[in-house]
PDB file of N, CA and C in Angstrom:
ATOM      1  N   MET A   1     -31.986 -40.844 -15.652  1.00  0.00           N
ATOM      2  CA  MET A   1     -30.850 -39.974 -15.367  1.00  0.00           C
ATOM      3  C   MET A   1     -30.373 -40.177 -13.895  1.00  0.00           C
ATOM      4  N   SER A   2     -29.140 -40.440 -13.655  1.00  0.00           N
ATOM      5  CA  SER A   2     -28.662 -40.642 -12.292  1.00  0.00           C
ATOM      6  C   SER A   2     -28.469 -39.273 -11.639  1.00  0.00           C
ATOM      7  N   PRO A   3     -28.617 -39.214 -10.268  1.00  0.00           N
ATOM      8  CA  PRO A   3     -28.474 -37.891  -9.594  1.00  0.00           C
ATOM      9  C   PRO A   3     -27.002 -37.411  -9.721  1.00  0.00           C
ATOM     10  N   ALA A   4     -26.852 -36.068  -9.589  1.00  0.00           N
ATOM     11  CA  ALA A   4     -25.533 -35.575  -9.673  1.00  0.00           C
ATOM     12  C   ALA A   4     -24.643 -36.030  -8.564  1.00  0.00           C
ATOM     13  N   HIS A   5     -23.370 -36.194  -8.903  1.00  0.00           N
ATOM     14  CA  HIS A   5     -22.363 -36.534  -7.920  1.00  0.00           C
ATOM     15  C   HIS A   5     -21.850 -35.301  -7.228  1.00  0.00           C
ATOM     16  N   PHE A   6     -21.979 -35.228  -5.886  1.00  0.00           N
ATOM     17  CA  PHE A   6     -21.396 -34.080  -5.162  1.00  0.00           C
ATOM     18  C   PHE A   6     -20.335 -34.551  -4.232  1.00  0.00           C
ATOM     19  N   PRO A   7     -19.109 -34.195  -4.536  1.00  0.00           N
ATOM     20  CA  PRO A   7     -17.983 -34.573  -3.741  1.00  0.00           C
ATOM     21  C   PRO A   7     -18.032 -33.793  -2.377  1.00  0.00           C
ATOM     22  N   ASP A   8     -17.200 -34.193  -1.372  1.00  0.00           N
ATOM     23  CA  ASP A   8     -17.241 -33.468  -0.180  1.00  0.00           C
ATOM     24  C   ASP A   8     -16.577 -32.042  -0.300  1.00  0.00           C
ATOM     25  N   ASP A   9     -15.584 -32.024  -1.113  1.00  0.00           N
ATOM     26  CA  ASP A   9     -14.901 -30.791  -1.491  1.00  0.00           C
ATOM     27  C   ASP A   9     -14.896 -30.611  -2.943  1.00  0.00           C
ATOM     28  N   ASN A  10     -14.689 -29.402  -3.451  1.00  0.00           N
ATOM     29  CA  ASN A  10     -14.563 -29.220  -4.862  1.00  0.00           C
ATOM     30  C   ASN A  10     -13.519 -30.115  -5.451  1.00  0.00           C
ATOM     31  N   GLU A  11     -13.759 -30.787  -6.603  1.00  0.00           N
ATOM     32  CA  GLU A  11     -12.786 -31.702  -7.317  1.00  0.00           C
ATOM     33  C   GLU A  11     -12.338 -31.055  -8.563  1.00  0.00           C
ATOM     34  N   TYR A  12     -11.021 -30.991  -8.820  1.00  0.00           N
ATOM     35  CA  TYR A  12     -10.396 -30.397  -9.987  1.00  0.00           C
ATOM     36  C   TYR A  12      -9.828 -31.473 -10.846  1.00  0.00           C
ATOM     37  N   SER A  13     -10.212 -31.532 -12.084  1.00  0.00           N
ATOM     38  CA  SER A  13      -9.653 -32.625 -12.955  1.00  0.00           C
ATOM     39  C   SER A  13      -8.207 -32.335 -13.288  1.00  0.00           C
ATOM     40  N   ASP A  14      -7.575 -33.239 -13.914  1.00  0.00           N
ATOM     41  CA  ASP A  14      -6.306 -33.037 -14.559  1.00  0.00           C
ATOM     42  C   ASP A  14      -6.588 -32.218 -15.754  1.00  0.00           C
ATOM     43  N   LYS A  15      -5.513 -31.543 -16.300  1.00  0.00           N
ATOM     44  CA  LYS A  15      -5.718 -30.801 -17.520  1.00  0.00           C
ATOM     45  C   LYS A  15      -5.549 -31.679 -18.695  1.00  0.00           C
ATOM     46  N   TYR A  16      -6.249 -31.302 -19.745  1.00  0.00           N
ATOM     47  CA  TYR A  16      -6.242 -32.033 -21.050  1.00  0.00           C
ATOM     48  C   TYR A  16      -6.245 -31.086 -22.146  1.00  0.00           C
ATOM     49  N   THR A  17      -5.665 -31.378 -23.306  1.00  0.00           N
ATOM     50  CA  THR A  17      -5.466 -30.393 -24.342  1.00  0.00           C
ATOM     51  C   THR A  17      -5.948 -30.975 -25.701  1.00  0.00           C
ATOM     52  N   ASP A  18      -6.160 -29.899 -26.594  1.00  0.00           N
ATOM     53  CA  ASP A  18      -6.247 -30.207 -27.990  1.00  0.00           C
ATOM     54  C   ASP A  18      -5.246 -29.271 -28.651  1.00  0.00           C
ATOM     55  N   ASP A  19      -5.307 -28.974 -30.015  1.00  0.00           N
ATOM     56  CA  ASP A  19      -4.373 -28.186 -30.708  1.00  0.00           C
ATOM     57  C   ASP A  19      -4.426 -26.658 -30.343  1.00  0.00           C
ATOM     58  N   THR A  20      -5.586 -26.313 -29.620  1.00  0.00           N
ATOM     59  CA  THR A  20      -5.788 -24.911 -29.403  1.00  0.00           C
ATOM     60  C   THR A  20      -5.808 -24.531 -27.853  1.00  0.00           C
ATOM     61  N   TYR A  21      -6.455 -25.337 -27.127  1.00  0.00           N
ATOM     62  CA  TYR A  21      -6.732 -25.052 -25.751  1.00  0.00           C
ATOM     63  C   TYR A  21      -6.302 -26.142 -24.763  1.00  0.00           C
ATOM     64  N   GLU A  22      -6.149 -25.733 -23.506  1.00  0.00           N
ATOM     65  CA  GLU A  22      -5.997 -26.778 -22.404  1.00  0.00           C
ATOM     66  C   GLU A  22      -7.332 -26.584 -21.626  1.00  0.00           C
ATOM     67  N   TYR A  23      -7.770 -27.728 -21.144  1.00  0.00           N
ATOM     68  CA  TYR A  23      -9.107 -27.794 -20.442  1.00  0.00           C
ATOM     69  C   TYR A  23      -8.969 -28.423 -19.151  1.00  0.00           C
ATOM     70  N   ARG A  24      -9.968 -28.113 -18.354  1.00  0.00           N
ATOM     71  CA  ARG A  24     -10.110 -28.887 -17.044  1.00  0.00           C
ATOM     72  C   ARG A  24     -11.545 -28.662 -16.658  1.00  0.00           C
ATOM     73  N   HIS A  25     -12.105 -29.510 -15.739  1.00  0.00           N
ATOM     74  CA  HIS A  25     -13.373 -29.400 -15.235  1.00  0.00           C
ATOM     75  C   HIS A  25     -13.319 -29.388 -13.793  1.00  0.00           C
ATOM     76  N   VAL A  26     -14.299 -28.736 -13.165  1.00  0.00           N
ATOM     77  CA  VAL A  26     -14.368 -28.667 -11.664  1.00  0.00           C
ATOM     78  C   VAL A  26     -15.752 -29.186 -11.242  1.00  0.00           C
ATOM     79  N   ILE A  27     -15.734 -30.162 -10.385  1.00  0.00           N
ATOM     80  CA  ILE A  27     -17.019 -30.717  -9.809  1.00  0.00           C
ATOM     81  C   ILE A  27     -17.221 -30.037  -8.470  1.00  0.00           C
ATOM     82  N   LEU A  28     -18.252 -29.259  -8.407  1.00  0.00           N
ATOM     83  CA  LEU A  28     -18.576 -28.487  -7.208  1.00  0.00           C
ATOM     84  C   LEU A  28     -19.205 -29.289  -6.158  1.00  0.00           C
ATOM     85  N   SER A  29     -18.761 -29.028  -4.877  1.00  0.00           N
ATOM     86  CA  SER A  29     -19.475 -29.726  -3.689  1.00  0.00           C
ATOM     87  C   SER A  29     -20.813 -29.195  -3.587  1.00  0.00           C
ATOM     88  N   LYS A  30     -21.612 -29.807  -2.858  1.00  0.00           N
ATOM     89  CA  LYS A  30     -22.984 -29.372  -2.683  1.00  0.00           C
ATOM     90  C   LYS A  30     -23.116 -27.998  -1.991  1.00  0.00           C
ATOM     91  N   PRO A  31     -22.343 -27.719  -0.958  1.00  0.00           N
ATOM     92  CA  PRO A  31     -22.393 -26.340  -0.380  1.00  0.00           C
ATOM     93  C   PRO A  31     -21.970 -25.335  -1.441  1.00  0.00           C
ATOM     94  N   THR A  32     -20.880 -25.558  -2.148  1.00  0.00           N
ATOM     95  CA  THR A  32     -20.465 -24.591  -3.229  1.00  0.00           C
ATOM     96  C   THR A  32     -21.537 -24.394  -4.295  1.00  0.00           C
ATOM     97  N   TYR A  33     -22.141 -25.484  -4.753  1.00  0.00           N
ATOM     98  CA  TYR A  33     -23.178 -25.422  -5.677  1.00  0.00           C
ATOM     99  C   TYR A  33     -24.356 -24.465  -5.217  1.00  0.00           C
ATOM    100  N   ARG A  34     -24.809 -24.805  -3.955  1.00  0.00           N
ATOM    101  CA  ARG A  34     -25.828 -24.040  -3.451  1.00  0.00           C
ATOM    102  C   ARG A  34     -25.483 -22.499  -3.345  1.00  0.00           C
ATOM    103  N   MET A  35     -24.221 -22.260  -2.917  1.00  0.00           N
ATOM    104  CA  MET A  35     -23.725 -20.804  -2.809  1.00  0.00           C
ATOM    105  C   MET A  35     -23.780 -20.191  -4.164  1.00  0.00           C
ATOM    106  N   LEU A  36     -23.427 -20.949  -5.237  1.00  0.00           N
ATOM    107  CA  LEU A  36     -23.514 -20.432  -6.628  1.00  0.00           C
ATOM    108  C   LEU A  36     -24.954 -20.139  -6.964  1.00  0.00           C
ATOM    109  N   GLN A  37     -25.860 -21.030  -6.712  1.00  0.00           N
ATOM    110  CA  GLN A  37     -27.283 -20.707  -7.057  1.00  0.00           C
ATOM    111  C   GLN A  37     -27.791 -19.495  -6.339  1.00  0.00           C
ATOM    112  N   ARG A  38     -27.399 -19.309  -5.129  1.00  0.00           N
ATOM    113  CA  ARG A  38     -27.780 -18.153  -4.327  1.00  0.00           C
ATOM    114  C   ARG A  38     -27.175 -16.875  -4.807  1.00  0.00           C
ATOM    115  N   SER A  39     -25.914 -16.970  -5.218  1.00  0.00           N
ATOM    116  CA  SER A  39     -25.188 -15.686  -5.541  1.00  0.00           C
ATOM    117  C   SER A  39     -25.307 -15.143  -6.830  1.00  0.00           C
ATOM    118  N   VAL A  40     -25.585 -16.050  -7.839  1.00  0.00           N
ATOM    119  CA  VAL A  40     -25.722 -15.652  -9.227  1.00  0.00           C
ATOM    120  C   VAL A  40     -27.227 -15.637  -9.645  1.00  0.00           C
ATOM    121  N   ARG A  41     -27.753 -14.454  -9.741  1.00  0.00           N
ATOM    122  CA  ARG A  41     -29.178 -14.344 -10.079  1.00  0.00           C
ATOM    123  C   ARG A  41     -29.445 -15.087 -11.438  1.00  0.00           C
ATOM    124  N   GLY A  42     -30.584 -15.931 -11.442  1.00  0.00           N
ATOM    125  CA  GLY A  42     -30.956 -16.614 -12.519  1.00  0.00           C
ATOM    126  C   GLY A  42     -29.960 -17.724 -13.023  1.00  0.00           C
ATOM    127  N   TYR A  43     -29.201 -18.281 -12.064  1.00  0.00           N
ATOM    128  CA  TYR A  43     -28.179 -19.234 -12.530  1.00  0.00           C
ATOM    129  C   TYR A  43     -28.912 -20.508 -13.035  1.00  0.00           C
ATOM    130  N   SER A  44     -28.433 -20.993 -14.166  1.00  0.00           N
ATOM    131  CA  SER A  44     -28.915 -22.302 -14.658  1.00  0.00           C
ATOM    132  C   SER A  44     -27.742 -22.976 -15.356  1.00  0.00           C
ATOM    133  N   ALA A  45     -27.960 -24.166 -15.884  1.00  0.00           N
ATOM    134  CA  ALA A  45     -26.820 -24.839 -16.567  1.00  0.00           C
ATOM    135  C   ALA A  45     -26.325 -24.149 -17.802  1.00  0.00           C
ATOM    136  N   SER A  46     -27.091 -23.195 -18.304  1.00  0.00           N
ATOM    137  CA  SER A  46     -26.707 -22.449 -19.550  1.00  0.00           C
ATOM    138  C   SER A  46     -25.907 -21.186 -19.120  1.00  0.00           C
ATOM    139  N   THR A  47     -25.879 -20.803 -17.838  1.00  0.00           N
ATOM    140  CA  THR A  47     -25.205 -19.575 -17.482  1.00  0.00           C
ATOM    141  C   THR A  47     -23.658 -19.788 -17.448  1.00  0.00           C
ATOM    142  N   LEU A  48     -22.960 -18.829 -18.100  1.00  0.00           N
ATOM    143  CA  LEU A  48     -21.542 -18.849 -18.113  1.00  0.00           C
ATOM    144  C   LEU A  48     -21.080 -17.784 -17.034  1.00  0.00           C
ATOM    145  N   LEU A  49     -20.172 -18.248 -16.236  1.00  0.00           N
ATOM    146  CA  LEU A  49     -19.722 -17.381 -15.092  1.00  0.00           C
ATOM    147  C   LEU A  49     -18.448 -16.612 -15.465  1.00  0.00           C
ATOM    148  N   ASP A  50     -18.384 -15.428 -15.069  1.00  0.00           N
ATOM    149  CA  ASP A  50     -17.111 -14.669 -15.284  1.00  0.00           C
ATOM    150  C   ASP A  50     -16.147 -15.097 -14.126  1.00  0.00           C
ATOM    151  N   GLU A  51     -14.903 -14.703 -14.188  1.00  0.00           N
ATOM    152  CA  GLU A  51     -13.915 -15.021 -13.213  1.00  0.00           C
ATOM    153  C   GLU A  51     -14.255 -14.618 -11.796  1.00  0.00           C
ATOM    154  N   ASN A  52     -14.813 -13.391 -11.677  1.00  0.00           N
ATOM    155  CA  ASN A  52     -15.198 -12.937 -10.309  1.00  0.00           C
ATOM    156  C   ASN A  52     -16.239 -13.949  -9.741  1.00  0.00           C
ATOM    157  N   GLN A  53     -17.162 -14.358 -10.509  1.00  0.00           N
ATOM    158  CA  GLN A  53     -18.358 -15.189 -10.019  1.00  0.00           C
ATOM    159  C   GLN A  53     -17.767 -16.568  -9.592  1.00  0.00           C
ATOM    160  N   TRP A  54     -16.929 -17.158 -10.426  1.00  0.00           N
ATOM    161  CA  TRP A  54     -16.531 -18.580 -10.058  1.00  0.00           C
ATOM    162  C   TRP A  54     -15.549 -18.474  -8.920  1.00  0.00           C
ATOM    163  N   ARG A  55     -14.749 -17.432  -8.813  1.00  0.00           N
ATOM    164  CA  ARG A  55     -13.785 -17.307  -7.671  1.00  0.00           C
ATOM    165  C   ARG A  55     -14.565 -16.978  -6.373  1.00  0.00           C
ATOM    166  N   SER A  56     -15.639 -16.208  -6.451  1.00  0.00           N
ATOM    167  CA  SER A  56     -16.421 -15.775  -5.300  1.00  0.00           C
ATOM    168  C   SER A  56     -17.080 -17.034  -4.544  1.00  0.00           C
ATOM    169  N   VAL A  57     -17.299 -18.064  -5.290  1.00  0.00           N
ATOM    170  CA  VAL A  57     -17.924 -19.228  -4.627  1.00  0.00           C
ATOM    171  C   VAL A  57     -16.918 -20.252  -4.194  1.00  0.00           C
ATOM    172  N   GLY A  58     -15.594 -19.902  -4.329  1.00  0.00           N
ATOM    173  CA  GLY A  58     -14.529 -20.752  -3.804  1.00  0.00           C
ATOM    174  C   GLY A  58     -13.791 -21.648  -4.884  1.00  0.00           C
ATOM    175  N   VAL A  59     -14.008 -21.425  -6.103  1.00  0.00           N
ATOM    176  CA  VAL A  59     -13.190 -22.192  -7.162  1.00  0.00           C
ATOM    177  C   VAL A  59     -11.864 -21.476  -7.215  1.00  0.00           C
ATOM    178  N   THR A  60     -10.797 -22.283  -7.029  1.00  0.00           N
ATOM    179  CA  THR A  60      -9.445 -21.628  -7.067  1.00  0.00           C
ATOM    180  C   THR A  60      -8.609 -22.351  -8.087  1.00  0.00           C
ATOM    181  N   GLN A  61      -8.141 -21.663  -8.993  1.00  0.00           N
ATOM    182  CA  GLN A  61      -7.190 -22.085 -10.010  1.00  0.00           C
ATOM    183  C   GLN A  61      -6.380 -20.895 -10.497  1.00  0.00           C
ATOM    184  N   SER A  62      -5.361 -21.239 -11.253  1.00  0.00           N
ATOM    185  CA  SER A  62      -4.408 -20.205 -11.778  1.00  0.00           C
ATOM    186  C   SER A  62      -5.181 -19.294 -12.780  1.00  0.00           C
ATOM    187  N   ARG A  63      -4.466 -18.273 -13.220  1.00  0.00           N
ATOM    188  CA  ARG A  63      -5.053 -17.296 -14.126  1.00  0.00           C
ATOM    189  C   ARG A  63      -5.318 -17.765 -15.533  1.00  0.00           C
ATOM    190  N   GLY A  64      -6.243 -17.148 -16.186  1.00  0.00           N
ATOM    191  CA  GLY A  64      -6.500 -17.439 -17.591  1.00  0.00           C
ATOM    192  C   GLY A  64      -7.670 -18.358 -17.927  1.00  0.00           C
ATOM    193  N   TRP A  65      -8.153 -19.100 -16.951  1.00  0.00           N
ATOM    194  CA  TRP A  65      -9.203 -19.998 -17.185  1.00  0.00           C
ATOM    195  C   TRP A  65     -10.561 -19.257 -17.454  1.00  0.00           C
ATOM    196  N   VAL A  66     -11.237 -19.777 -18.452  1.00  0.00           N
ATOM    197  CA  VAL A  66     -12.573 -19.183 -18.745  1.00  0.00           C
ATOM    198  C   VAL A  66     -13.624 -20.361 -18.674  1.00  0.00           C
ATOM    199  N   HIS A  67     -14.707 -19.997 -18.056  1.00  0.00           N
ATOM    200  CA  HIS A  67     -15.830 -21.009 -17.910  1.00  0.00           C
ATOM    201  C   HIS A  67     -16.502 -20.899 -19.310  1.00  0.00           C
ATOM    202  N   TYR A  68     -16.524 -22.048 -20.013  1.00  0.00           N
ATOM    203  CA  TYR A  68     -17.102 -22.016 -21.395  1.00  0.00           C
ATOM    204  C   TYR A  68     -18.349 -22.914 -21.506  1.00  0.00           C
ATOM    205  N   ALA A  69     -18.584 -23.788 -20.517  1.00  0.00           N
ATOM    206  CA  ALA A  69     -19.770 -24.696 -20.529  1.00  0.00           C
ATOM    207  C   ALA A  69     -19.996 -25.261 -19.219  1.00  0.00           C
ATOM    208  N   THR A  70     -21.218 -25.808 -19.099  1.00  0.00           N
ATOM    209  CA  THR A  70     -21.534 -26.586 -17.791  1.00  0.00           C
ATOM    210  C   THR A  70     -22.079 -27.847 -18.363  1.00  0.00           C
ATOM    211  N   HIS A  71     -21.722 -29.001 -17.679  1.00  0.00           N
ATOM    212  CA  HIS A  71     -22.149 -30.356 -18.053  1.00  0.00           C
ATOM    213  C   HIS A  71     -23.634 -30.388 -17.770  1.00  0.00           C
ATOM    214  N   LYS A  72     -24.529 -30.296 -18.715  1.00  0.00           N
ATOM    215  CA  LYS A  72     -25.920 -30.206 -18.611  1.00  0.00           C
ATOM    216  C   LYS A  72     -26.588 -31.331 -17.641  1.00  0.00           C
ATOM    217  N   PRO A  73     -26.201 -32.502 -17.801  1.00  0.00           N
ATOM    218  CA  PRO A  73     -26.820 -33.497 -16.922  1.00  0.00           C
ATOM    219  C   PRO A  73     -26.486 -33.335 -15.427  1.00  0.00           C
ATOM    220  N   GLU A  74     -25.286 -32.716 -15.108  1.00  0.00           N
ATOM    221  CA  GLU A  74     -24.835 -32.455 -13.797  1.00  0.00           C
ATOM    222  C   GLU A  74     -24.344 -30.980 -13.693  1.00  0.00           C
ATOM    223  N   PRO A  75     -25.274 -30.072 -13.479  1.00  0.00           N
ATOM    224  CA  PRO A  75     -24.888 -28.540 -13.501  1.00  0.00           C
ATOM    225  C   PRO A  75     -23.930 -28.209 -12.485  1.00  0.00           C
ATOM    226  N   ASN A  76     -23.499 -29.091 -11.573  1.00  0.00           N
ATOM    227  CA  ASN A  76     -22.431 -28.744 -10.644  1.00  0.00           C
ATOM    228  C   ASN A  76     -21.032 -29.044 -11.211  1.00  0.00           C
ATOM    229  N   ILE A  77     -20.971 -29.415 -12.470  1.00  0.00           N
ATOM    230  CA  ILE A  77     -19.708 -29.599 -13.152  1.00  0.00           C
ATOM    231  C   ILE A  77     -19.457 -28.446 -14.104  1.00  0.00           C
ATOM    232  N   LEU A  78     -18.490 -27.743 -13.816  1.00  0.00           N
ATOM    233  CA  LEU A  78     -18.120 -26.507 -14.610  1.00  0.00           C
ATOM    234  C   LEU A  78     -16.918 -26.849 -15.529  1.00  0.00           C
ATOM    235  N   LEU A  79     -17.013 -26.455 -16.741  1.00  0.00           N
ATOM    236  CA  LEU A  79     -16.022 -26.780 -17.787  1.00  0.00           C
ATOM    237  C   LEU A  79     -15.213 -25.528 -18.086  1.00  0.00           C
ATOM    238  N   PHE A  80     -13.899 -25.576 -18.002  1.00  0.00           N
ATOM    239  CA  PHE A  80     -12.987 -24.422 -18.158  1.00  0.00           C
ATOM    240  C   PHE A  80     -12.075 -24.732 -19.323  1.00  0.00           C
ATOM    241  N   ARG A  81     -11.582 -23.636 -20.001  1.00  0.00           N
ATOM    242  CA  ARG A  81     -10.456 -23.712 -20.952  1.00  0.00           C
ATOM    243  C   ARG A  81      -9.718 -22.438 -20.985  1.00  0.00           C
ATOM    244  N   ARG A  82      -8.513 -22.525 -21.544  1.00  0.00           N
ATOM    245  CA  ARG A  82      -7.645 -21.381 -21.806  1.00  0.00           C
ATOM    246  C   ARG A  82      -6.692 -21.753 -22.994  1.00  0.00           C
ATOM    247  N   PRO A  83      -6.375 -20.747 -23.770  1.00  0.00           N
ATOM    248  CA  PRO A  83      -5.510 -21.023 -24.888  1.00  0.00           C
ATOM    249  C   PRO A  83      -4.166 -21.609 -24.479  1.00  0.00           C
ATOM    250  N   LEU A  84      -3.672 -22.509 -25.225  1.00  0.00           N
ATOM    251  CA  LEU A  84      -2.308 -23.061 -24.999  1.00  0.00           C
ATOM    252  C   LEU A  84      -1.265 -21.842 -24.954  1.00  0.00           C
ATOM    253  N   GLY A  85      -0.371 -21.889 -24.138  1.00  0.00           N
ATOM    254  CA  GLY A  85       0.641 -20.841 -24.085  1.00  0.00           C
ATOM    255  C   GLY A  85       0.317 -19.703 -23.076  1.00  0.00           C
ATOM    256  N   THR A  86      -0.767 -19.958 -22.323  1.00  0.00           N
ATOM    257  CA  THR A  86      -1.229 -18.983 -21.350  1.00  0.00           C
ATOM    258  C   THR A  86      -0.268 -19.071 -20.031  1.00  0.00           C
ATOM    259  N   ASN A  87       0.195 -17.877 -19.664  1.00  0.00           N
ATOM    260  CA  ASN A  87       1.010 -17.886 -18.452  1.00  0.00           C
ATOM    261  C   ASN A  87       0.075 -17.972 -17.278  1.00  0.00           C
ATOM    262  N   PRO A  88       0.224 -18.978 -16.385  1.00  0.00           N
ATOM    263  CA  PRO A  88      -0.649 -19.188 -15.289  1.00  0.00           C
ATOM    264  C   PRO A  88      -0.555 -18.180 -14.234  1.00  0.00           C
ATOM    265  N   LEU A  89       0.411 -17.330 -14.185  1.00  0.00           N
ATOM    266  CA  LEU A  89       0.512 -16.296 -13.158  1.00  0.00           C
ATOM    267  C   LEU A  89      -0.145 -14.966 -13.688  1.00  0.00           C
ATOM    268  N   THR A  90      -0.135 -14.739 -14.920  1.00  0.00           N
ATOM    269  CA  THR A  90      -0.733 -13.484 -15.407  1.00  0.00           C
ATOM    270  C   THR A  90      -2.034 -13.700 -16.155  1.00  0.00           C
ATOM    271  N   GLY A  91      -2.336 -14.941 -16.580  1.00  0.00           N
ATOM    272  CA  GLY A  91      -3.470 -15.153 -17.496  1.00  0.00           C
ATOM    273  C   GLY A  91      -3.343 -14.646 -18.886  1.00  0.00           C
ATOM    274  N   LYS A  92      -2.120 -14.193 -19.238  1.00  0.00           N
ATOM    275  CA  LYS A  92      -2.017 -13.597 -20.600  1.00  0.00           C
ATOM    276  C   LYS A  92      -1.399 -14.773 -21.450  1.00  0.00           C
ATOM    277  N   VAL A  93      -1.819 -14.661 -22.695  1.00  0.00           N
ATOM    278  CA  VAL A  93      -1.300 -15.693 -23.670  1.00  0.00           C
ATOM    279  C   VAL A  93       0.099 -15.182 -24.149  1.00  0.00           C
ATOM    280  N   GLU A  94       1.146 -15.974 -23.837  1.00  0.00           N
ATOM    281  CA  GLU A  94       2.515 -15.531 -24.207  1.00  0.00           C
ATOM    282  C   GLU A  94       2.836 -16.047 -25.586  1.00  0.00           C
ATOM    283  N   VAL A  95       2.462 -17.207 -25.939  1.00  0.00           N
ATOM    284  CA  VAL A  95       2.687 -17.862 -27.273  1.00  0.00           C
ATOM    285  C   VAL A  95       1.427 -18.464 -27.717  1.00  0.00           C
ATOM    286  N   ALA A  96       0.739 -17.840 -28.599  1.00  0.00           N
ATOM    287  CA  ALA A  96      -0.581 -18.328 -29.092  1.00  0.00           C
ATOM    288  C   ALA A  96      -0.327 -19.542 -29.992  1.00  0.00           C
ATOM    289  N   PRO A  97      -1.106 -20.637 -29.827  1.00  0.00           N
ATOM    290  CA  PRO A  97      -1.036 -21.708 -30.751  1.00  0.00           C
ATOM    291  C   PRO A  97      -1.424 -21.287 -32.118  1.00  0.00           C
ATOM    292  N   PRO A  98      -0.937 -21.967 -33.164  1.00  0.00           N
ATOM    293  CA  PRO A  98      -1.149 -21.576 -34.584  1.00  0.00           C
ATOM    294  C   PRO A  98      -2.658 -21.445 -34.853  1.00  0.00           C
ATOM    295  N   SER A  99      -3.477 -22.246 -34.229  1.00  0.00           N
ATOM    296  CA  SER A  99      -4.913 -22.091 -34.576  1.00  0.00           C
ATOM    297  C   SER A  99      -5.586 -20.879 -34.009  1.00  0.00           C
ATOM    298  N   LEU A 100      -4.943 -20.182 -33.176  1.00  0.00           N
ATOM    299  CA  LEU A 100      -5.430 -18.868 -32.602  1.00  0.00           C
ATOM    300  C   LEU A 100      -4.734 -17.657 -33.253  1.00  0.00           C
ATOM    301  N   ARG A 101      -3.745 -17.857 -34.007  1.00  0.00           N
ATOM    302  CA  ARG A 101      -3.040 -16.735 -34.603  1.00  0.00           C
ATOM    303  C   ARG A 101      -3.851 -16.209 -35.736  1.00  0.00           C
ATOM    304  N   GLN A 102      -3.921 -14.880 -35.930  1.00  0.00           N
ATOM    305  CA  GLN A 102      -4.615 -14.349 -37.070  1.00  0.00           C
ATOM    306  C   GLN A 102      -3.654 -14.185 -38.197  1.00  0.00           C
ATOM    307  N   SER A 103      -4.227 -14.580 -39.382  1.00  0.00           N
ATOM    308  CA  SER A 103      -3.401 -14.527 -40.587  1.00  0.00           C
ATOM    309  C   SER A 103      -3.576 -13.126 -41.197  1.00  0.00           C
ATOM    310  N   CYS A 104      -2.607 -12.580 -41.829  1.00  0.00           N
ATOM    311  CA  CYS A 104      -2.613 -11.218 -42.395  1.00  0.00           C
ATOM    312  C   CYS A 104      -3.110 -11.348 -43.797  1.00  0.00           C
TER     313      CYS A 104
END
């Protein structure tokens, strides 16, 4: 296994989508990753961060993103998603994609 890639600053991917969500990943710099390890008790690659936790270590992005996974081989890569139709200013879903709508 190759060592983790640590950029000089946090790197944000372009967004990509499927029928339900838009996604992006964030590659943490070494100082940010170390801060995360110190600030989140018991942090591991299986830990999912809430918005306050990822914002507190310097990850900055618009509203509505949810940390749903970590790239296991490189735990400094955080994977985020939010439903299509999410307002980036409020984080609220304004128009839910059909795959997220509840049928009656």
